[in-house]
Amino acid sequence: MLATLMTTALTVGAEAAADEKAPTIAPPFVIGVTLFAFFVVLLFVTLSYTNLGRRHEPEDEHADPHRQHPNKHDRHQGAASH
């Protein structure tokens, strides 16, 4: 039983070693460098949006008493009485 199992494992291993590898479009290092460059470009695109929150000074939101769902954090600026 053990000899049959070992023979089968060796046969499968030898057949797997003899198989040809699947062709790729480029060598692995070229694919790696290309992916790295792609992610660096995505990094710069992401970093280019970091100043969007700093374009203008923040302004307080107007407390509109006629709003359907008023802001609960307006410190009662639009309420008639507290």
PDB file of N, CA and C in Angstrom:
ATOM      1  N   MET A   1       0.830  -1.188   0.000  1.00  0.00           N
ATOM      2  CA  MET A   1       0.000   0.000   0.000  1.00  0.00           C
ATOM      3  C   MET A   1       0.878   1.257   0.000  1.00  0.00           C
ATOM      4  N   LEU A   2       1.871   1.274   0.877  1.00  0.00           N
ATOM      5  CA  LEU A   2       2.754   2.426   0.963  1.00  0.00           C
ATOM      6  C   LEU A   2       3.574   2.575  -0.309  1.00  0.00           C
ATOM      7  N   ALA A   3       4.016   1.459  -0.879  1.00  0.00           N
ATOM      8  CA  ALA A   3       4.806   1.521  -2.110  1.00  0.00           C
ATOM      9  C   ALA A   3       3.963   2.059  -3.263  1.00  0.00           C
ATOM     10  N   THR A   4       2.715   1.658  -3.323  1.00  0.00           N
ATOM     11  CA  THR A   4       1.829   2.156  -4.376  1.00  0.00           C
ATOM     12  C   THR A   4       1.610   3.665  -4.221  1.00  0.00           C
ATOM     13  N   LEU A   5       1.433   4.115  -2.996  1.00  0.00           N
ATOM     14  CA  LEU A   5       1.220   5.525  -2.734  1.00  0.00           C
ATOM     15  C   LEU A   5       2.458   6.344  -3.109  1.00  0.00           C
ATOM     16  N   MET A   6       3.630   5.850  -2.753  1.00  0.00           N
ATOM     17  CA  MET A   6       4.868   6.546  -3.076  1.00  0.00           C
ATOM     18  C   MET A   6       5.106   6.570  -4.579  1.00  0.00           C
ATOM     19  N   THR A   7       4.808   5.462  -5.245  1.00  0.00           N
ATOM     20  CA  THR A   7       4.980   5.408  -6.698  1.00  0.00           C
ATOM     21  C   THR A   7       4.037   6.385  -7.390  1.00  0.00           C
ATOM     22  N   THR A   8       2.823   6.453  -6.925  1.00  0.00           N
ATOM     23  CA  THR A   8       1.851   7.378  -7.501  1.00  0.00           C
ATOM     24  C   THR A   8       2.299   8.824  -7.285  1.00  0.00           C
ATOM     25  N   ALA A   9       2.789   9.132  -6.094  1.00  0.00           N
ATOM     26  CA  ALA A   9       3.245  10.488  -5.802  1.00  0.00           C
ATOM     27  C   ALA A   9       4.431  10.858  -6.679  1.00  0.00           C
ATOM     28  N   LEU A  10       5.367   9.944  -6.867  1.00  0.00           N
ATOM     29  CA  LEU A  10       6.527  10.217  -7.713  1.00  0.00           C
ATOM     30  C   LEU A  10       6.118  10.385  -9.168  1.00  0.00           C
ATOM     31  N   THR A  11       5.178   9.585  -9.624  1.00  0.00           N
ATOM     32  CA  THR A  11       4.712   9.685 -11.005  1.00  0.00           C
ATOM     33  C   THR A  11       4.017  11.023 -11.251  1.00  0.00           C
ATOM     34  N   VAL A  12       3.159  11.418 -10.331  1.00  0.00           N
ATOM     35  CA  VAL A  12       2.456  12.703 -10.458  1.00  0.00           C
ATOM     36  C   VAL A  12       3.451  13.847 -10.397  1.00  0.00           C
ATOM     37  N   GLY A  13       4.428  13.768  -9.517  1.00  0.00           N
ATOM     38  CA  GLY A  13       5.448  14.802  -9.405  1.00  0.00           C
ATOM     39  C   GLY A  13       6.281  14.918 -10.671  1.00  0.00           C
ATOM     40  N   ALA A  14       6.639  13.793 -11.258  1.00  0.00           N
ATOM     41  CA  ALA A  14       7.437  13.817 -12.485  1.00  0.00           C
ATOM     42  C   ALA A  14       6.635  14.377 -13.646  1.00  0.00           C
ATOM     43  N   GLU A  15       5.362  14.043 -13.733  1.00  0.00           N
ATOM     44  CA  GLU A  15       4.512  14.582 -14.801  1.00  0.00           C
ATOM     45  C   GLU A  15       4.306  16.081 -14.644  1.00  0.00           C
ATOM     46  N   ALA A  16       4.185  16.542 -13.408  1.00  0.00           N
ATOM     47  CA  ALA A  16       3.989  17.968 -13.170  1.00  0.00           C
ATOM     48  C   ALA A  16       5.252  18.743 -13.520  1.00  0.00           C
ATOM     49  N   ALA A  17       6.404  18.186 -13.273  1.00  0.00           N
ATOM     50  CA  ALA A  17       7.662  18.860 -13.584  1.00  0.00           C
ATOM     51  C   ALA A  17       7.884  18.932 -15.089  1.00  0.00           C
ATOM     52  N   ALA A  18       7.367  17.971 -15.828  1.00  0.00           N
ATOM     53  CA  ALA A  18       7.573  17.945 -17.269  1.00  0.00           C
ATOM     54  C   ALA A  18       6.609  18.868 -18.009  1.00  0.00           C
ATOM     55  N   ASP A  19       5.516  19.275 -17.359  1.00  0.00           N
ATOM     56  CA  ASP A  19       4.546  20.152 -18.021  1.00  0.00           C
ATOM     57  C   ASP A  19       5.164  21.515 -18.289  1.00  0.00           C
ATOM     58  N   GLU A  20       4.744  22.104 -19.393  1.00  0.00           N
ATOM     59  CA  GLU A  20       5.216  23.444 -19.718  1.00  0.00           C
ATOM     60  C   GLU A  20       4.434  24.466 -18.908  1.00  0.00           C
ATOM     61  N   LYS A  21       5.113  25.529 -18.565  1.00  0.00           N
ATOM     62  CA  LYS A  21       4.452  26.605 -17.835  1.00  0.00           C
ATOM     63  C   LYS A  21       3.582  27.399 -18.816  1.00  0.00           C
ATOM     64  N   ALA A  22       2.549  28.018 -18.287  1.00  0.00           N
ATOM     65  CA  ALA A  22       1.671  28.828 -19.127  1.00  0.00           C
ATOM     66  C   ALA A  22       2.426  30.071 -19.590  1.00  0.00           C
ATOM     67  N   PRO A  23       2.263  30.452 -20.848  1.00  0.00           N
ATOM     68  CA  PRO A  23       2.972  31.639 -21.337  1.00  0.00           C
ATOM     69  C   PRO A  23       2.412  32.922 -20.708  1.00  0.00           C
ATOM     70  N   THR A  24       3.284  33.882 -20.489  1.00  0.00           N
ATOM     71  CA  THR A  24       2.869  35.182 -19.973  1.00  0.00           C
ATOM     72  C   THR A  24       3.156  36.238 -21.034  1.00  0.00           C
ATOM     73  N   ILE A  25       2.551  37.410 -20.876  1.00  0.00           N
ATOM     74  CA  ILE A  25       2.735  38.457 -21.877  1.00  0.00           C
ATOM     75  C   ILE A  25       4.080  39.151 -21.722  1.00  0.00           C
ATOM     76  N   ALA A  26       4.699  39.034 -20.541  1.00  0.00           N
ATOM     77  CA  ALA A  26       5.997  39.664 -20.294  1.00  0.00           C
ATOM     78  C   ALA A  26       6.662  38.921 -19.141  1.00  0.00           C
ATOM     79  N   PRO A  27       7.951  39.138 -18.971  1.00  0.00           N
ATOM     80  CA  PRO A  27       8.624  38.529 -17.810  1.00  0.00           C
ATOM     81  C   PRO A  27       8.033  39.070 -16.503  1.00  0.00           C
ATOM     82  N   PRO A  28       8.158  38.314 -15.427  1.00  0.00           N
ATOM     83  CA  PRO A  28       7.533  38.726 -14.159  1.00  0.00           C
ATOM     84  C   PRO A  28       7.995  40.094 -13.661  1.00  0.00           C
ATOM     85  N   PHE A  29       9.284  40.447 -13.828  1.00  0.00           N
ATOM     86  CA  PHE A  29       9.743  41.738 -13.319  1.00  0.00           C
ATOM     87  C   PHE A  29       9.121  42.895 -14.102  1.00  0.00           C
ATOM     88  N   VAL A  30       8.830  42.708 -15.375  1.00  0.00           N
ATOM     89  CA  VAL A  30       8.190  43.760 -16.169  1.00  0.00           C
ATOM     90  C   VAL A  30       6.753  43.964 -15.689  1.00  0.00           C
ATOM     91  N   ILE A  31       6.072  42.888 -15.407  1.00  0.00           N
ATOM     92  CA  ILE A  31       4.701  42.979 -14.893  1.00  0.00           C
ATOM     93  C   ILE A  31       4.709  43.662 -13.530  1.00  0.00           C
ATOM     94  N   GLY A  32       5.665  43.311 -12.682  1.00  0.00           N
ATOM     95  CA  GLY A  32       5.763  43.928 -11.361  1.00  0.00           C
ATOM     96  C   GLY A  32       6.039  45.420 -11.434  1.00  0.00           C
ATOM     97  N   VAL A  33       6.969  45.820 -12.294  1.00  0.00           N
ATOM     98  CA  VAL A  33       7.283  47.248 -12.440  1.00  0.00           C
ATOM     99  C   VAL A  33       6.086  48.001 -13.002  1.00  0.00           C
ATOM    100  N   THR A  34       5.383  47.400 -13.934  1.00  0.00           N
ATOM    101  CA  THR A  34       4.202  48.045 -14.517  1.00  0.00           C
ATOM    102  C   THR A  34       3.114  48.247 -13.457  1.00  0.00           C
ATOM    103  N   LEU A  35       2.857  47.232 -12.655  1.00  0.00           N
ATOM    104  CA  LEU A  35       1.859  47.362 -11.596  1.00  0.00           C
ATOM    105  C   LEU A  35       2.291  48.394 -10.558  1.00  0.00           C
ATOM    106  N   PHE A  36       3.574  48.416 -10.220  1.00  0.00           N
ATOM    107  CA  PHE A  36       4.071  49.402  -9.268  1.00  0.00           C
ATOM    108  C   PHE A  36       3.854  50.816  -9.815  1.00  0.00           C
ATOM    109  N   ALA A  37       4.178  51.040 -11.072  1.00  0.00           N
ATOM    110  CA  ALA A  37       3.989  52.359 -11.688  1.00  0.00           C
ATOM    111  C   ALA A  37       2.507  52.743 -11.701  1.00  0.00           C
ATOM    112  N   PHE A  38       1.638  51.784 -11.993  1.00  0.00           N
ATOM    113  CA  PHE A  38       0.195  52.040 -12.001  1.00  0.00           C
ATOM    114  C   PHE A  38      -0.282  52.484 -10.624  1.00  0.00           C
ATOM    115  N   PHE A  39       0.167  51.799  -9.573  1.00  0.00           N
ATOM    116  CA  PHE A  39      -0.257  52.158  -8.226  1.00  0.00           C
ATOM    117  C   PHE A  39       0.353  53.489  -7.773  1.00  0.00           C
ATOM    118  N   VAL A  40       1.539  53.831  -8.247  1.00  0.00           N
ATOM    119  CA  VAL A  40       2.115  55.136  -7.932  1.00  0.00           C
ATOM    120  C   VAL A  40       1.275  56.236  -8.581  1.00  0.00           C
ATOM    121  N   VAL A  41       0.826  56.024  -9.794  1.00  0.00           N
ATOM    122  CA  VAL A  41      -0.048  57.001 -10.454  1.00  0.00           C
ATOM    123  C   VAL A  41      -1.346  57.145  -9.665  1.00  0.00           C
ATOM    124  N   LEU A  42      -1.924  56.039  -9.220  1.00  0.00           N
ATOM    125  CA  LEU A  42      -3.138  56.122  -8.404  1.00  0.00           C
ATOM    126  C   LEU A  42      -2.881  56.859  -7.090  1.00  0.00           C
ATOM    127  N   LEU A  43      -1.693  56.686  -6.521  1.00  0.00           N
ATOM    128  CA  LEU A  43      -1.335  57.398  -5.299  1.00  0.00           C
ATOM    129  C   LEU A  43      -1.316  58.900  -5.542  1.00  0.00           C
ATOM    130  N   PHE A  44      -0.725  59.337  -6.641  1.00  0.00           N
ATOM    131  CA  PHE A  44      -0.671  60.769  -6.940  1.00  0.00           C
ATOM    132  C   PHE A  44      -2.053  61.328  -7.246  1.00  0.00           C
ATOM    133  N   VAL A  45      -2.899  60.560  -7.877  1.00  0.00           N
ATOM    134  CA  VAL A  45      -4.272  61.013  -8.116  1.00  0.00           C
ATOM    135  C   VAL A  45      -4.996  61.189  -6.784  1.00  0.00           C
ATOM    136  N   THR A  46      -4.802  60.252  -5.874  1.00  0.00           N
ATOM    137  CA  THR A  46      -5.431  60.354  -4.560  1.00  0.00           C
ATOM    138  C   THR A  46      -4.895  61.556  -3.796  1.00  0.00           C
ATOM    139  N   LEU A  47      -3.595  61.765  -3.828  1.00  0.00           N
ATOM    140  CA  LEU A  47      -2.999  62.887  -3.109  1.00  0.00           C
ATOM    141  C   LEU A  47      -3.397  64.233  -3.700  1.00  0.00           C
ATOM    142  N   SER A  48      -3.754  64.259  -4.964  1.00  0.00           N
ATOM    143  CA  SER A  48      -4.144  65.528  -5.575  1.00  0.00           C
ATOM    144  C   SER A  48      -5.482  66.030  -5.039  1.00  0.00           C
ATOM    145  N   TYR A  49      -6.256  65.188  -4.408  1.00  0.00           N
ATOM    146  CA  TYR A  49      -7.545  65.586  -3.854  1.00  0.00           C
ATOM    147  C   TYR A  49      -7.465  65.951  -2.375  1.00  0.00           C
ATOM    148  N   THR A  50      -6.280  65.975  -1.774  1.00  0.00           N
ATOM    149  CA  THR A  50      -6.193  66.237  -0.338  1.00  0.00           C
ATOM    150  C   THR A  50      -6.493  67.679   0.016  1.00  0.00           C
ATOM    151  N   ASN A  51      -6.375  68.614  -0.921  1.00  0.00           N
ATOM    152  CA  ASN A  51      -6.614  70.017  -0.603  1.00  0.00           C
ATOM    153  C   ASN A  51      -8.065  70.435  -0.797  1.00  0.00           C
ATOM    154  N   LEU A  52      -8.950  69.549  -1.145  1.00  0.00           N
ATOM    155  CA  LEU A  52     -10.344  69.928  -1.401  1.00  0.00           C
ATOM    156  C   LEU A  52     -11.022  70.480  -0.152  1.00  0.00           C
ATOM    157  N   GLY A  53     -10.697  69.957   0.994  1.00  0.00           N
ATOM    158  CA  GLY A  53     -11.314  70.435   2.221  1.00  0.00           C
ATOM    159  C   GLY A  53     -10.749  71.748   2.701  1.00  0.00           C
ATOM    160  N   ARG A  54      -9.651  72.210   2.133  1.00  0.00           N
ATOM    161  CA  ARG A  54      -9.005  73.438   2.584  1.00  0.00           C
ATOM    162  C   ARG A  54      -9.123  74.581   1.584  1.00  0.00           C
ATOM    163  N   ARG A  55     -10.034  74.489   0.646  1.00  0.00           N
ATOM    164  CA  ARG A  55     -10.167  75.540  -0.361  1.00  0.00           C
ATOM    165  C   ARG A  55     -10.742  76.821   0.222  1.00  0.00           C
ATOM    166  N   HIS A  56     -11.754  76.707   1.080  1.00  0.00           N
ATOM    167  CA  HIS A  56     -12.436  77.863   1.639  1.00  0.00           C
ATOM    168  C   HIS A  56     -12.521  77.692   3.146  1.00  0.00           C
ATOM    169  N   GLU A  57     -12.716  78.821   3.800  1.00  0.00           N
ATOM    170  CA  GLU A  57     -12.938  78.759   5.240  1.00  0.00           C
ATOM    171  C   GLU A  57     -14.321  78.158   5.502  1.00  0.00           C
ATOM    172  N   PRO A  58     -14.454  77.328   6.505  1.00  0.00           N
ATOM    173  CA  PRO A  58     -15.778  76.751   6.790  1.00  0.00           C
ATOM    174  C   PRO A  58     -16.739  77.823   7.276  1.00  0.00           C
ATOM    175  N   GLU A  59     -17.968  77.740   6.828  1.00  0.00           N
ATOM    176  CA  GLU A  59     -19.008  78.677   7.236  1.00  0.00           C
ATOM    177  C   GLU A  59     -20.048  77.934   8.053  1.00  0.00           C
ATOM    178  N   ASP A  60     -20.598  78.636   9.042  1.00  0.00           N
ATOM    179  CA  ASP A  60     -21.651  78.026   9.845  1.00  0.00           C
ATOM    180  C   ASP A  60     -22.888  77.828   8.988  1.00  0.00           C
ATOM    181  N   GLU A  61     -23.553  76.717   9.209  1.00  0.00           N
ATOM    182  CA  GLU A  61     -24.755  76.426   8.449  1.00  0.00           C
ATOM    183  C   GLU A  61     -25.919  77.248   8.991  1.00  0.00           C
ATOM    184  N   HIS A  62     -26.707  77.801   8.081  1.00  0.00           N
ATOM    185  CA  HIS A  62     -27.875  78.583   8.476  1.00  0.00           C
ATOM    186  C   HIS A  62     -28.923  77.646   9.054  1.00  0.00           C
ATOM    187  N   ALA A  63     -29.420  77.989  10.225  1.00  0.00           N
ATOM    188  CA  ALA A  63     -30.458  77.178  10.865  1.00  0.00           C
ATOM    189  C   ALA A  63     -31.816  77.572  10.291  1.00  0.00           C
ATOM    190  N   ASP A  64     -32.382  76.721   9.467  1.00  0.00           N
ATOM    191  CA  ASP A  64     -33.650  77.004   8.805  1.00  0.00           C
ATOM    192  C   ASP A  64     -34.772  76.338   9.607  1.00  0.00           C
ATOM    193  N   PRO A  65     -35.662  77.107  10.233  1.00  0.00           N
ATOM    194  CA  PRO A  65     -36.724  76.492  11.039  1.00  0.00           C
ATOM    195  C   PRO A  65     -37.763  75.770  10.191  1.00  0.00           C
ATOM    196  N   HIS A  66     -37.800  76.006   8.878  1.00  0.00           N
ATOM    197  CA  HIS A  66     -38.785  75.371   8.003  1.00  0.00           C
ATOM    198  C   HIS A  66     -38.266  74.090   7.369  1.00  0.00           C
ATOM    199  N   ARG A  67     -37.135  73.675   7.771  1.00  0.00           N
ATOM    200  CA  ARG A  67     -36.542  72.452   7.228  1.00  0.00           C
ATOM    201  C   ARG A  67     -37.331  71.244   7.712  1.00  0.00           C
ATOM    202  N   GLN A  68     -37.499  70.258   6.856  1.00  0.00           N
ATOM    203  CA  GLN A  68     -38.286  69.090   7.233  1.00  0.00           C
ATOM    204  C   GLN A  68     -37.591  68.288   8.333  1.00  0.00           C
ATOM    205  N   HIS A  69     -36.284  68.093   8.196  1.00  0.00           N
ATOM    206  CA  HIS A  69     -35.497  67.385   9.206  1.00  0.00           C
ATOM    207  C   HIS A  69     -34.394  68.324   9.667  1.00  0.00           C
ATOM    208  N   PRO A  70     -34.658  69.169  10.648  1.00  0.00           N
ATOM    209  CA  PRO A  70     -33.667  70.164  11.044  1.00  0.00           C
ATOM    210  C   PRO A  70     -32.429  69.508  11.656  1.00  0.00           C
ATOM    211  N   ASN A  71     -31.350  70.234  11.560  1.00  0.00           N
ATOM    212  CA  ASN A  71     -30.099  69.776  12.131  1.00  0.00           C
ATOM    213  C   ASN A  71     -30.212  69.839  13.646  1.00  0.00           C
ATOM    214  N   LYS A  72     -29.951  68.764  14.330  1.00  0.00           N
ATOM    215  CA  LYS A  72     -30.082  68.734  15.784  1.00  0.00           C
ATOM    216  C   LYS A  72     -28.886  69.395  16.473  1.00  0.00           C
ATOM    217  N   HIS A  73     -27.862  69.729  15.718  1.00  0.00           N
ATOM    218  CA  HIS A  73     -26.640  70.263  16.303  1.00  0.00           C
ATOM    219  C   HIS A  73     -26.475  71.750  16.010  1.00  0.00           C
ATOM    220  N   ASP A  74     -27.562  72.474  15.819  1.00  0.00           N
ATOM    221  CA  ASP A  74     -27.459  73.894  15.472  1.00  0.00           C
ATOM    222  C   ASP A  74     -27.479  74.798  16.700  1.00  0.00           C
ATOM    223  N   ARG A  75     -27.408  74.251  17.881  1.00  0.00           N
ATOM    224  CA  ARG A  75     -27.400  74.989  19.147  1.00  0.00           C
ATOM    225  C   ARG A  75     -28.629  75.886  19.286  1.00  0.00           C
ATOM    226  N   HIS A  76     -29.714  75.457  18.727  1.00  0.00           N
ATOM    227  CA  HIS A  76     -31.008  76.137  18.818  1.00  0.00           C
ATOM    228  C   HIS A  76     -30.963  77.549  18.272  1.00  0.00           C
ATOM    229  N   GLN A  77     -30.227  77.791  17.225  1.00  0.00           N
ATOM    230  CA  GLN A  77     -30.127  79.116  16.649  1.00  0.00           C
ATOM    231  C   GLN A  77     -31.427  79.521  15.970  1.00  0.00           C
ATOM    232  N   GLY A  78     -32.148  78.567  15.406  1.00  0.00           N
ATOM    233  CA  GLY A  78     -33.373  78.897  14.697  1.00  0.00           C
ATOM    234  C   GLY A  78     -34.612  78.748  15.541  1.00  0.00           C
ATOM    235  N   ALA A  79     -34.476  78.268  16.764  1.00  0.00           N
ATOM    236  CA  ALA A  79     -35.638  78.061  17.618  1.00  0.00           C
ATOM    237  C   ALA A  79     -36.058  79.384  18.262  1.00  0.00           C
ATOM    238  N   ALA A  80     -37.356  79.556  18.464  1.00  0.00           N
ATOM    239  CA  ALA A  80     -37.872  80.788  19.062  1.00  0.00           C
ATOM    240  C   ALA A  80     -37.525  80.848  20.546  1.00  0.00           C
ATOM    241  N   SER A  81     -37.662  79.740  21.224  1.00  0.00           N
ATOM    242  CA  SER A  81     -37.329  79.708  22.650  1.00  0.00           C
ATOM    243  C   SER A  81     -36.565  78.447  22.980  1.00  0.00           C
ATOM    244  N   HIS A  82     -35.849  78.511  23.997  1.00  0.00           N
ATOM    245  CA  HIS A  82     -34.986  77.392  24.370  1.00  0.00           C
ATOM    246  C   HIS A  82     -35.549  76.671  25.493  1.00  0.00           C
TER     247      HIS A  82
END
